[in-house]
Each structure stands twice: as structure tokens, then as C-alpha cells.
Amino acid sequence: MKTLTKVITTTVLTLSAIGFASASEQLVPTDSFTGTKLCVVAAKGNKLKLNRAINKSGMSKRYIVENLKCNGMDLVSFVEQHGSNSHKINTFLAGKGYSKNTGTTDIASL
């Protein structure tokens, strides 16, 4: 009976450690620039907070999507790579036509 308890305890501890290791990365702004704050808010995945941050910035959503760079990437790519709830945020940013496969081109053969 003690062996079974040890096996269960070891399994639970191992699974807990794996869960902590796979937790999402924390994004922390390193400066107080508006663009940096927008990148971090977008990556966190809260559409309401992102909308408020965009309004507070005084820039249009379209301008931000087309011009803002986050760690050398455009905002949509940054959110795809680092963000939680990326599809919802990128649909909000890029419109209903957003798709993860926007870079893919279909070629028809004759």
C-alpha cells in the first residue's frame, strides 16, 4: 500500500512540475513608451484593455496595426507568437478577414 501511495505522489508532483514549466511567459515592459505598453496589453489577450489602451494612445487602430513594431515584428505577428487569446485579439486588430494563414497563397494549377 505504501508503494502505491509513493507512486501516486510522485506522479502528482511530476505533473505539477510540468504544468508550472509550461505556464505562459510573462511579458514585462522595459520602458514607458506607449508602443511598448500596447504590445504588452495586446499580448495579454484582453480585448477591452487593448481597446482602452488604443483609445488612450490617441492613435487609430489601423495606424497601430500597420506601423507598430514589437520586438522587431508587426503587432499581429507578435500577438500570434507571444500572446494569449491571439485569434480573438488579432481578429479585433485586423478585422474579420484575419486568418492565421494570411501569408499563405493558394496557387491553382491548370
Protein backbone atom coordinates (compact mmCIF):
# COMPACT_ATOMS: atom_id res chain seq x y z
CA MET A 1 0.00 0.00 0.00
CA LYS A 2 2.88 2.37 0.76
CA THR A 3 4.32 1.74 -2.70
CA LEU A 4 1.06 2.77 -4.34
CA THR A 5 0.98 5.97 -2.28
CA LYS A 6 4.56 6.77 -3.29
CA VAL A 7 3.79 6.18 -6.97
CA ILE A 8 0.71 8.41 -6.87
CA THR A 9 2.59 11.14 -5.01
CA THR A 10 5.48 11.03 -7.46
CA THR A 11 3.10 11.18 -10.42
CA VAL A 12 1.22 14.15 -8.99
CA LEU A 13 4.42 16.06 -8.24
CA THR A 14 5.81 15.35 -11.71
CA LEU A 15 2.63 16.52 -13.43
CA SER A 16 2.55 19.65 -11.26
CA ALA A 17 6.14 20.49 -12.22
CA ILE A 18 5.31 20.05 -15.89
CA GLY A 19 2.30 22.34 -15.50
CA PHE A 20 4.42 25.07 -13.94
CA ALA A 21 7.11 24.71 -16.60
CA SER A 22 4.62 25.10 -19.44
CA ALA A 23 2.96 28.20 -17.96
CA SER A 24 2.76 31.11 -20.37
CA GLU A 25 5.66 33.52 -20.49
CA GLN A 26 5.41 36.81 -18.69
CA LEU A 27 5.79 39.94 -20.77
CA VAL A 28 7.06 42.92 -18.84
CA PRO A 29 7.56 46.32 -20.48
CA THR A 30 11.12 47.57 -20.17
CA ASP A 31 10.24 51.21 -20.76
CA SER A 32 7.25 53.52 -20.53
CA PHE A 33 6.72 54.12 -24.26
CA THR A 34 3.14 53.94 -25.48
CA GLY A 35 4.06 51.42 -28.19
CA THR A 36 5.64 49.08 -25.66
CA LYS A 37 2.56 49.25 -23.46
CA LEU A 38 0.33 48.48 -26.46
CA CYS A 39 2.44 45.43 -27.35
CA VAL A 40 2.22 44.05 -23.82
CA VAL A 41 -1.51 44.72 -23.46
CA ALA A 42 -2.20 43.07 -26.83
CA ALA A 43 -0.15 40.00 -25.90
CA LYS A 44 -2.02 39.59 -22.61
CA GLY A 45 -5.19 38.87 -24.57
CA ASN A 46 -7.77 41.20 -23.03
CA LYS A 47 -9.66 42.91 -25.85
CA LEU A 48 -11.31 45.51 -23.60
CA LYS A 49 -8.00 46.62 -22.08
CA LEU A 50 -6.42 46.73 -25.54
CA ASN A 51 -9.24 48.91 -26.85
CA ARG A 52 -8.83 51.27 -23.89
CA ALA A 53 -5.06 51.43 -24.42
CA ILE A 54 -5.53 52.22 -28.13
CA ASN A 55 -8.01 54.99 -27.32
CA LYS A 56 -5.70 56.39 -24.64
CA SER A 57 -2.75 56.39 -27.08
CA GLY A 58 -4.56 58.78 -29.43
CA MET A 59 -3.63 56.64 -32.45
CA SER A 60 -6.05 54.79 -34.66
CA LYS A 61 -6.23 51.02 -34.58
CA ARG A 62 -5.34 50.89 -38.28
CA TYR A 63 -2.25 53.06 -37.75
CA ILE A 64 -1.12 50.84 -34.87
CA VAL A 65 -1.58 47.62 -36.84
CA GLU A 66 0.28 48.99 -39.87
CA ASN A 67 3.15 50.79 -38.07
CA LEU A 68 3.76 49.45 -34.57
CA LYS A 69 6.72 47.08 -34.19
CA CYS A 70 7.03 44.82 -31.15
CA ASN A 71 10.46 43.22 -30.77
CA GLY A 72 11.04 43.72 -34.50
CA MET A 73 7.70 42.16 -35.53
CA ASP A 74 4.44 43.72 -36.58
CA LEU A 75 1.81 43.67 -33.84
CA VAL A 76 -0.30 40.85 -35.34
CA SER A 77 2.72 38.53 -35.65
CA PHE A 78 3.88 39.44 -32.14
CA VAL A 79 0.49 38.56 -30.67
CA GLU A 80 0.42 35.29 -32.62
CA GLN A 81 3.80 34.29 -31.25
CA HIS A 82 3.67 35.61 -27.68
CA GLY A 83 0.04 36.32 -26.89
CA SER A 84 -2.72 34.54 -25.15
CA ASN A 85 -6.08 34.57 -26.89
CA SER A 86 -4.23 35.51 -30.07
CA HIS A 87 -7.01 34.73 -32.56
CA LYS A 88 -9.52 36.93 -30.74
CA ILE A 89 -7.06 39.83 -30.39
CA ASN A 90 -5.85 39.63 -33.98
CA THR A 91 -9.41 39.45 -35.28
CA PHE A 92 -10.10 42.62 -33.29
CA LEU A 93 -6.96 44.30 -34.67
CA ALA A 94 -7.04 43.15 -38.30
CA GLY A 95 -10.77 42.74 -38.81
CA LYS A 96 -12.95 39.77 -39.70
CA GLY A 97 -10.71 38.86 -42.63
CA TYR A 98 -7.93 37.85 -40.23
CA SER A 99 -6.65 34.32 -40.61
CA LYS A 100 -3.50 32.66 -39.27
CA ASN A 101 -2.81 31.63 -42.85
CA THR A 102 -2.74 35.16 -44.27
CA GLY A 103 0.78 34.60 -45.55
CA THR A 104 -0.21 31.51 -47.49
CA THR A 105 -1.01 31.89 -51.17
CA ASP A 106 -3.14 29.30 -52.94
CA ILE A 107 -1.96 28.57 -56.45
CA ALA A 108 -4.34 26.98 -58.89
CA SER A 109 -2.88 24.66 -61.48
CA LEU A 110 -4.28 24.14 -64.94
